Every structure is written in structure tokens, then in C-alpha cells.
């Protein structure tokens, strides 16, 4: 896992994904993206804000689909950006395409609140 320049989001790859995402007890929002993807670039600052807003409750990880095609296939990624909210190896929610920060934060809050009660 390596921190991006802002230190709010982390980069994962096929070597670190299981350890840094699937085996984490806390929630991880995985951004399946690519450098050439304009909507992915537009979503990046939204995800930085999400990481700050949910600090202590959620980590945000970025995964380059071009460099990690096997993981993209395993998660059935057919369009990017694609977001997967995972806790303890379990998929809690997913989104495709660009979403505003407010909309995404509301969805994440709802999912985290529901699953924190159930845990």
C-alpha cells in the first residue's frame, strides 16, 4: 500500500489487495480507476473529501484497473470509475460513474450506520 501525495487515499494492487482491503476489519471504499479516465480524475477530489469526512470509519483505496486487470475481472468491473464499499471481505455497496460528494457521503453513511449496528 502506498499513500498518494495527499495522504488521504491509498493505492492498492493485486499484491496488497487481500491484506489492505479484504482482511481489514474496518470499511474500505475501493476506487477502481485508470489514469486516462476523465470521470475518474473528476472523482478523485470527491474521494479525498470522503476520506477526510469518514476518517476513523472508512479508508479509501485506489486500484488501477489497467495494472490489475485480474482484480477488475474478479469484481466484474465493466465501467469506470467503479466504487466498492467492503468491510471484512464483504461487499456493502457499489457505485458506477461519477457521483457528487454529498450523494456519495449520504449513501456511505447509511450503509455504514446499518452495518455498524449489525456488527
N, C-alpha and C. Protein backbone atom coordinates (compact mmCIF):
# COMPACT_ATOMS: atom_id res chain seq x y z
N UNK A 1 0.86 -1.17 0.00
CA UNK A 1 0.00 0.00 0.00
C UNK A 1 0.89 1.22 0.00
N UNK A 2 0.58 2.17 -0.83
CA UNK A 2 1.33 3.41 -0.84
C UNK A 2 0.37 4.58 -0.78
N UNK A 3 0.74 5.58 -0.02
CA UNK A 3 -0.10 6.75 0.11
C UNK A 3 0.05 7.62 -1.12
N UNK A 4 -1.06 8.19 -1.60
CA UNK A 4 -0.99 9.16 -2.67
C UNK A 4 -0.43 10.46 -2.08
N UNK A 5 -0.14 11.42 -2.92
CA UNK A 5 0.50 12.65 -2.46
C UNK A 5 -0.31 13.38 -1.40
N UNK A 6 -1.60 13.24 -1.40
CA UNK A 6 -2.44 13.92 -0.42
C UNK A 6 -2.52 13.16 0.89
N UNK A 7 -2.10 11.90 0.91
CA UNK A 7 -2.12 11.05 2.10
C UNK A 7 -3.52 10.69 2.59
N UNK A 8 -4.57 11.00 1.84
CA UNK A 8 -5.91 10.64 2.25
C UNK A 8 -6.36 9.31 1.64
N UNK A 9 -5.93 9.04 0.44
CA UNK A 9 -6.28 7.82 -0.26
C UNK A 9 -5.02 7.00 -0.49
N UNK A 10 -5.19 5.70 -0.56
CA UNK A 10 -4.06 4.80 -0.73
C UNK A 10 -4.21 4.00 -2.00
N UNK A 11 -3.07 3.64 -2.56
CA UNK A 11 -3.05 2.83 -3.76
C UNK A 11 -2.83 1.38 -3.35
N UNK A 12 -3.67 0.50 -3.88
CA UNK A 12 -3.51 -0.94 -3.66
C UNK A 12 -3.34 -1.61 -5.01
N UNK A 13 -2.80 -2.81 -4.99
CA UNK A 13 -2.63 -3.58 -6.22
C UNK A 13 -2.92 -5.04 -5.91
N UNK A 14 -2.69 -5.90 -6.87
CA UNK A 14 -3.03 -7.32 -6.70
C UNK A 14 -2.23 -7.96 -5.56
N UNK A 15 -1.07 -7.41 -5.24
CA UNK A 15 -0.26 -7.97 -4.16
C UNK A 15 -0.74 -7.54 -2.78
N UNK A 16 -1.30 -6.36 -2.67
CA UNK A 16 -1.70 -5.84 -1.36
C UNK A 16 -3.21 -5.85 -1.13
N UNK A 17 -4.00 -6.16 -2.14
CA UNK A 17 -5.46 -6.04 -2.06
C UNK A 17 -6.06 -6.89 -0.95
N UNK A 18 -5.66 -8.14 -0.87
CA UNK A 18 -6.24 -9.01 0.16
C UNK A 18 -5.93 -8.48 1.56
N UNK A 19 -4.69 -8.11 1.78
CA UNK A 19 -4.26 -7.62 3.09
C UNK A 19 -4.89 -6.27 3.42
N UNK A 20 -4.87 -5.35 2.46
CA UNK A 20 -5.28 -3.96 2.72
C UNK A 20 -6.76 -3.69 2.54
N UNK A 21 -7.48 -4.62 1.91
CA UNK A 21 -8.91 -4.41 1.68
C UNK A 21 -9.72 -5.56 2.28
N UNK A 22 -9.55 -6.76 1.77
CA UNK A 22 -10.40 -7.88 2.17
C UNK A 22 -10.22 -8.30 3.62
N UNK A 23 -9.00 -8.23 4.14
CA UNK A 23 -8.74 -8.67 5.51
C UNK A 23 -8.84 -7.56 6.54
N UNK A 24 -9.24 -6.39 6.13
CA UNK A 24 -9.38 -5.27 7.07
C UNK A 24 -10.70 -5.39 7.83
N UNK A 25 -10.68 -5.20 9.14
CA UNK A 25 -11.94 -5.24 9.89
C UNK A 25 -12.80 -4.00 9.63
N UNK A 26 -12.17 -2.89 9.30
CA UNK A 26 -12.90 -1.66 9.02
C UNK A 26 -13.31 -1.58 7.57
N UNK A 27 -14.12 -0.58 7.28
CA UNK A 27 -14.64 -0.39 5.92
C UNK A 27 -13.58 0.24 5.03
N UNK A 28 -13.55 -0.23 3.78
CA UNK A 28 -12.65 0.31 2.76
C UNK A 28 -13.48 0.58 1.51
N UNK A 29 -13.38 1.81 1.02
CA UNK A 29 -14.02 2.17 -0.24
C UNK A 29 -12.95 2.05 -1.32
N UNK A 30 -13.15 1.12 -2.24
CA UNK A 30 -12.16 0.88 -3.30
C UNK A 30 -12.62 1.59 -4.57
N UNK A 31 -11.74 2.42 -5.10
CA UNK A 31 -11.98 3.14 -6.34
C UNK A 31 -11.25 2.39 -7.45
N UNK A 32 -12.00 1.68 -8.29
CA UNK A 32 -11.45 1.01 -9.45
C UNK A 32 -11.38 2.07 -10.55
N UNK A 33 -10.16 2.44 -10.95
CA UNK A 33 -9.98 3.58 -11.83
C UNK A 33 -8.83 3.35 -12.80
N UNK A 34 -8.58 4.36 -13.63
CA UNK A 34 -7.44 4.34 -14.55
C UNK A 34 -6.97 5.78 -14.75
N UNK A 35 -5.69 5.94 -15.04
CA UNK A 35 -5.12 7.27 -15.19
C UNK A 35 -5.74 8.04 -16.34
N UNK A 36 -6.11 7.37 -17.42
CA UNK A 36 -6.64 8.03 -18.62
C UNK A 36 -8.11 8.40 -18.50
N UNK A 37 -8.78 7.93 -17.46
CA UNK A 37 -10.23 8.09 -17.29
C UNK A 37 -10.56 9.48 -16.71
N UNK A 38 -11.21 10.31 -17.52
CA UNK A 38 -11.55 11.66 -17.08
C UNK A 38 -12.54 11.66 -15.92
N UNK A 39 -13.63 10.87 -15.96
CA UNK A 39 -14.52 10.83 -14.80
C UNK A 39 -13.79 10.36 -13.52
N UNK A 40 -12.82 9.47 -13.68
CA UNK A 40 -12.02 9.03 -12.52
C UNK A 40 -11.24 10.20 -11.94
N UNK A 41 -10.68 11.02 -12.82
CA UNK A 41 -9.93 12.19 -12.38
C UNK A 41 -10.84 13.19 -11.68
N UNK A 42 -12.06 13.34 -12.18
CA UNK A 42 -13.02 14.25 -11.56
C UNK A 42 -13.48 13.73 -10.20
N UNK A 43 -13.55 12.43 -10.06
CA UNK A 43 -13.99 11.82 -8.81
C UNK A 43 -12.91 11.85 -7.72
N UNK A 44 -11.65 11.94 -8.11
CA UNK A 44 -10.54 11.88 -7.15
C UNK A 44 -10.68 12.90 -6.01
N UNK A 45 -10.94 14.18 -6.27
CA UNK A 45 -11.08 15.11 -5.14
C UNK A 45 -12.31 14.82 -4.28
N UNK A 46 -13.36 14.28 -4.88
CA UNK A 46 -14.54 13.88 -4.11
C UNK A 46 -14.14 12.78 -3.12
N UNK A 47 -13.34 11.82 -3.57
CA UNK A 47 -12.91 10.72 -2.71
C UNK A 47 -11.95 11.20 -1.63
N UNK A 48 -11.15 12.21 -1.91
CA UNK A 48 -10.28 12.80 -0.89
C UNK A 48 -11.15 13.39 0.23
N UNK A 49 -12.21 14.08 -0.15
CA UNK A 49 -13.13 14.66 0.83
C UNK A 49 -13.84 13.57 1.63
N UNK A 50 -14.26 12.51 0.94
CA UNK A 50 -14.90 11.37 1.62
C UNK A 50 -13.93 10.79 2.65
N UNK A 51 -12.68 10.60 2.25
CA UNK A 51 -11.68 10.03 3.17
C UNK A 51 -11.53 10.90 4.41
N UNK A 52 -11.51 12.21 4.25
CA UNK A 52 -11.41 13.12 5.40
C UNK A 52 -12.68 13.08 6.25
N UNK A 53 -13.83 13.12 5.59
CA UNK A 53 -15.12 13.14 6.30
C UNK A 53 -15.37 11.88 7.12
N UNK A 54 -14.89 10.75 6.62
CA UNK A 54 -15.14 9.47 7.27
C UNK A 54 -13.88 8.92 7.96
N UNK A 55 -12.92 9.79 8.23
CA UNK A 55 -11.67 9.36 8.88
C UNK A 55 -12.00 8.61 10.18
N UNK A 56 -11.35 7.47 10.36
CA UNK A 56 -11.60 6.64 11.53
C UNK A 56 -12.70 5.61 11.32
N UNK A 57 -13.51 5.80 10.29
CA UNK A 57 -14.61 4.87 10.00
C UNK A 57 -14.45 4.19 8.65
N UNK A 58 -13.62 4.80 7.78
CA UNK A 58 -13.53 4.36 6.39
C UNK A 58 -12.17 4.75 5.83
N UNK A 59 -11.59 3.85 5.08
CA UNK A 59 -10.38 4.15 4.32
C UNK A 59 -10.75 4.12 2.84
N UNK A 60 -10.05 4.91 2.05
CA UNK A 60 -10.28 4.95 0.61
C UNK A 60 -9.03 4.43 -0.09
N UNK A 61 -9.22 3.42 -0.92
CA UNK A 61 -8.11 2.81 -1.66
C UNK A 61 -8.38 2.94 -3.15
N UNK A 62 -7.32 3.20 -3.90
CA UNK A 62 -7.42 3.28 -5.36
C UNK A 62 -6.74 2.08 -5.98
N UNK A 63 -7.39 1.52 -6.99
CA UNK A 63 -6.83 0.38 -7.71
C UNK A 63 -6.89 0.66 -9.20
N UNK A 64 -5.73 0.67 -9.85
CA UNK A 64 -5.63 0.93 -11.28
C UNK A 64 -6.04 -0.35 -12.03
N UNK A 65 -7.13 -0.26 -12.77
CA UNK A 65 -7.65 -1.45 -13.46
C UNK A 65 -6.75 -1.90 -14.61
N UNK A 66 -6.02 -0.96 -15.20
CA UNK A 66 -5.11 -1.34 -16.28
C UNK A 66 -3.96 -2.18 -15.78
N UNK A 67 -3.51 -1.91 -14.57
CA UNK A 67 -2.39 -2.64 -13.99
C UNK A 67 -2.82 -3.85 -13.17
N UNK A 68 -4.12 -3.96 -12.90
CA UNK A 68 -4.65 -5.05 -12.07
C UNK A 68 -5.92 -5.61 -12.68
N UNK A 69 -5.82 -6.02 -13.93
CA UNK A 69 -6.98 -6.49 -14.69
C UNK A 69 -7.65 -7.69 -14.04
N UNK A 70 -6.88 -8.57 -13.40
CA UNK A 70 -7.47 -9.76 -12.79
C UNK A 70 -8.42 -9.39 -11.64
N UNK A 71 -8.07 -8.36 -10.88
CA UNK A 71 -8.97 -7.91 -9.81
C UNK A 71 -10.20 -7.22 -10.38
N UNK A 72 -10.01 -6.44 -11.42
CA UNK A 72 -11.16 -5.81 -12.08
C UNK A 72 -12.11 -6.87 -12.59
N UNK A 73 -11.58 -7.92 -13.18
CA UNK A 73 -12.42 -9.03 -13.66
C UNK A 73 -13.12 -9.73 -12.50
N UNK A 74 -12.39 -9.97 -11.43
CA UNK A 74 -12.95 -10.67 -10.28
C UNK A 74 -14.12 -9.89 -9.66
N UNK A 75 -14.05 -8.57 -9.71
CA UNK A 75 -15.12 -7.73 -9.17
C UNK A 75 -16.11 -7.28 -10.24
N UNK A 76 -15.98 -7.88 -11.43
CA UNK A 76 -16.90 -7.63 -12.54
C UNK A 76 -17.01 -6.15 -12.91
N UNK A 77 -15.85 -5.51 -12.97
CA UNK A 77 -15.81 -4.10 -13.33
C UNK A 77 -15.91 -4.00 -14.85
N UNK A 78 -16.98 -3.38 -15.34
CA UNK A 78 -17.16 -3.22 -16.78
C UNK A 78 -17.13 -1.76 -17.19
N UNK A 79 -17.18 -0.86 -16.21
CA UNK A 79 -17.16 0.57 -16.47
C UNK A 79 -16.49 1.25 -15.30
N UNK A 80 -15.72 2.30 -15.58
CA UNK A 80 -15.06 3.04 -14.50
C UNK A 80 -15.41 4.52 -14.60
N UNK A 81 -15.35 5.22 -13.48
CA UNK A 81 -14.97 4.73 -12.18
C UNK A 81 -16.04 3.82 -11.58
N UNK A 82 -15.56 2.86 -10.82
CA UNK A 82 -16.44 1.95 -10.09
C UNK A 82 -15.97 1.94 -8.64
N UNK A 83 -16.90 2.08 -7.73
CA UNK A 83 -16.58 2.09 -6.31
C UNK A 83 -17.22 0.89 -5.64
N UNK A 84 -16.46 0.25 -4.77
CA UNK A 84 -16.97 -0.88 -3.99
C UNK A 84 -16.67 -0.60 -2.52
N UNK A 85 -17.69 -0.64 -1.69
CA UNK A 85 -17.54 -0.47 -0.25
C UNK A 85 -17.47 -1.86 0.38
N UNK A 86 -16.34 -2.16 1.01
CA UNK A 86 -16.07 -3.50 1.53
C UNK A 86 -15.71 -3.41 3.00
N UNK A 87 -16.26 -4.32 3.79
CA UNK A 87 -15.85 -4.43 5.20
C UNK A 87 -15.71 -5.91 5.52
N UNK A 88 -14.54 -6.28 6.04
CA UNK A 88 -14.30 -7.67 6.43
C UNK A 88 -14.48 -8.64 5.28
N UNK A 89 -14.14 -8.21 4.08
CA UNK A 89 -14.26 -9.07 2.91
C UNK A 89 -15.66 -9.13 2.32
N UNK A 90 -16.59 -8.40 2.91
CA UNK A 90 -17.99 -8.43 2.46
C UNK A 90 -18.35 -7.14 1.73
N UNK A 91 -18.99 -7.27 0.59
CA UNK A 91 -19.42 -6.11 -0.18
C UNK A 91 -20.64 -5.48 0.48
N UNK A 92 -20.52 -4.19 0.83
CA UNK A 92 -21.63 -3.48 1.46
C UNK A 92 -22.41 -2.62 0.47
N UNK A 93 -21.70 -2.10 -0.55
CA UNK A 93 -22.35 -1.23 -1.52
C UNK A 93 -21.45 -1.01 -2.71
N UNK A 94 -22.05 -0.53 -3.80
CA UNK A 94 -21.27 -0.28 -5.00
C UNK A 94 -21.92 0.81 -5.84
N UNK A 95 -21.08 1.55 -6.55
CA UNK A 95 -21.49 2.65 -7.40
C UNK A 95 -20.66 2.62 -8.67
N UNK A 96 -21.24 3.07 -9.77
CA UNK A 96 -20.51 3.20 -11.03
C UNK A 96 -20.70 4.60 -11.56
N UNK A 97 -19.64 5.18 -12.08
CA UNK A 97 -19.69 6.51 -12.65
C UNK A 97 -19.41 7.58 -11.62
N UNK A 98 -19.51 8.81 -12.06
CA UNK A 98 -19.24 9.96 -11.19
C UNK A 98 -20.43 10.21 -10.27
N UNK A 99 -20.14 10.51 -9.01
CA UNK A 99 -21.17 10.88 -8.04
C UNK A 99 -20.71 12.11 -7.28
N UNK A 100 -21.62 12.98 -6.93
CA UNK A 100 -21.24 14.14 -6.13
C UNK A 100 -20.87 13.68 -4.72
N UNK A 101 -20.11 14.51 -4.04
CA UNK A 101 -19.68 14.19 -2.69
C UNK A 101 -20.85 14.02 -1.73
N UNK A 102 -21.84 14.91 -1.83
CA UNK A 102 -22.99 14.85 -0.93
C UNK A 102 -23.78 13.56 -1.11
N UNK A 103 -24.01 13.19 -2.35
CA UNK A 103 -24.77 11.98 -2.66
C UNK A 103 -24.01 10.74 -2.18
N UNK A 104 -22.74 10.68 -2.50
CA UNK A 104 -21.92 9.55 -2.11
C UNK A 104 -21.79 9.45 -0.59
N UNK A 105 -21.57 10.58 0.06
CA UNK A 105 -21.43 10.59 1.53
C UNK A 105 -22.72 10.11 2.20
N UNK A 106 -23.87 10.54 1.69
CA UNK A 106 -25.15 10.11 2.27
C UNK A 106 -25.34 8.60 2.12
N UNK A 107 -25.01 8.07 0.94
CA UNK A 107 -25.12 6.63 0.73
C UNK A 107 -24.18 5.86 1.64
N UNK A 108 -22.95 6.32 1.74
CA UNK A 108 -21.96 5.64 2.59
C UNK A 108 -22.38 5.70 4.05
N UNK A 109 -22.82 6.85 4.49
CA UNK A 109 -23.26 7.00 5.89
C UNK A 109 -24.38 6.01 6.21
N UNK A 110 -25.33 5.91 5.31
CA UNK A 110 -26.45 4.97 5.51
C UNK A 110 -25.94 3.54 5.61
N UNK A 111 -25.07 3.14 4.69
CA UNK A 111 -24.56 1.76 4.70
C UNK A 111 -23.71 1.48 5.93
N UNK A 112 -22.85 2.43 6.30
CA UNK A 112 -22.01 2.22 7.47
C UNK A 112 -22.86 2.16 8.74
N UNK A 113 -23.84 3.03 8.85
CA UNK A 113 -24.71 3.04 10.03
C UNK A 113 -25.48 1.74 10.17
N UNK A 114 -26.00 1.24 9.06
CA UNK A 114 -26.74 -0.01 9.09
C UNK A 114 -25.85 -1.18 9.50
N UNK A 115 -24.64 -1.21 8.98
CA UNK A 115 -23.77 -2.36 9.26
C UNK A 115 -23.06 -2.22 10.60
N UNK A 116 -22.85 -0.99 11.08
CA UNK A 116 -22.22 -0.82 12.40
C UNK A 116 -23.17 -1.33 13.49
N UNK A 117 -24.45 -1.14 13.30
CA UNK A 117 -25.44 -1.63 14.24
C UNK A 117 -25.47 -3.15 14.24
N UNK A 118 -25.32 -3.72 13.04
CA UNK A 118 -25.41 -5.18 12.90
C UNK A 118 -24.15 -5.90 13.37
N UNK A 119 -23.04 -5.18 13.48
CA UNK A 119 -21.77 -5.83 13.82
C UNK A 119 -21.70 -6.12 15.30
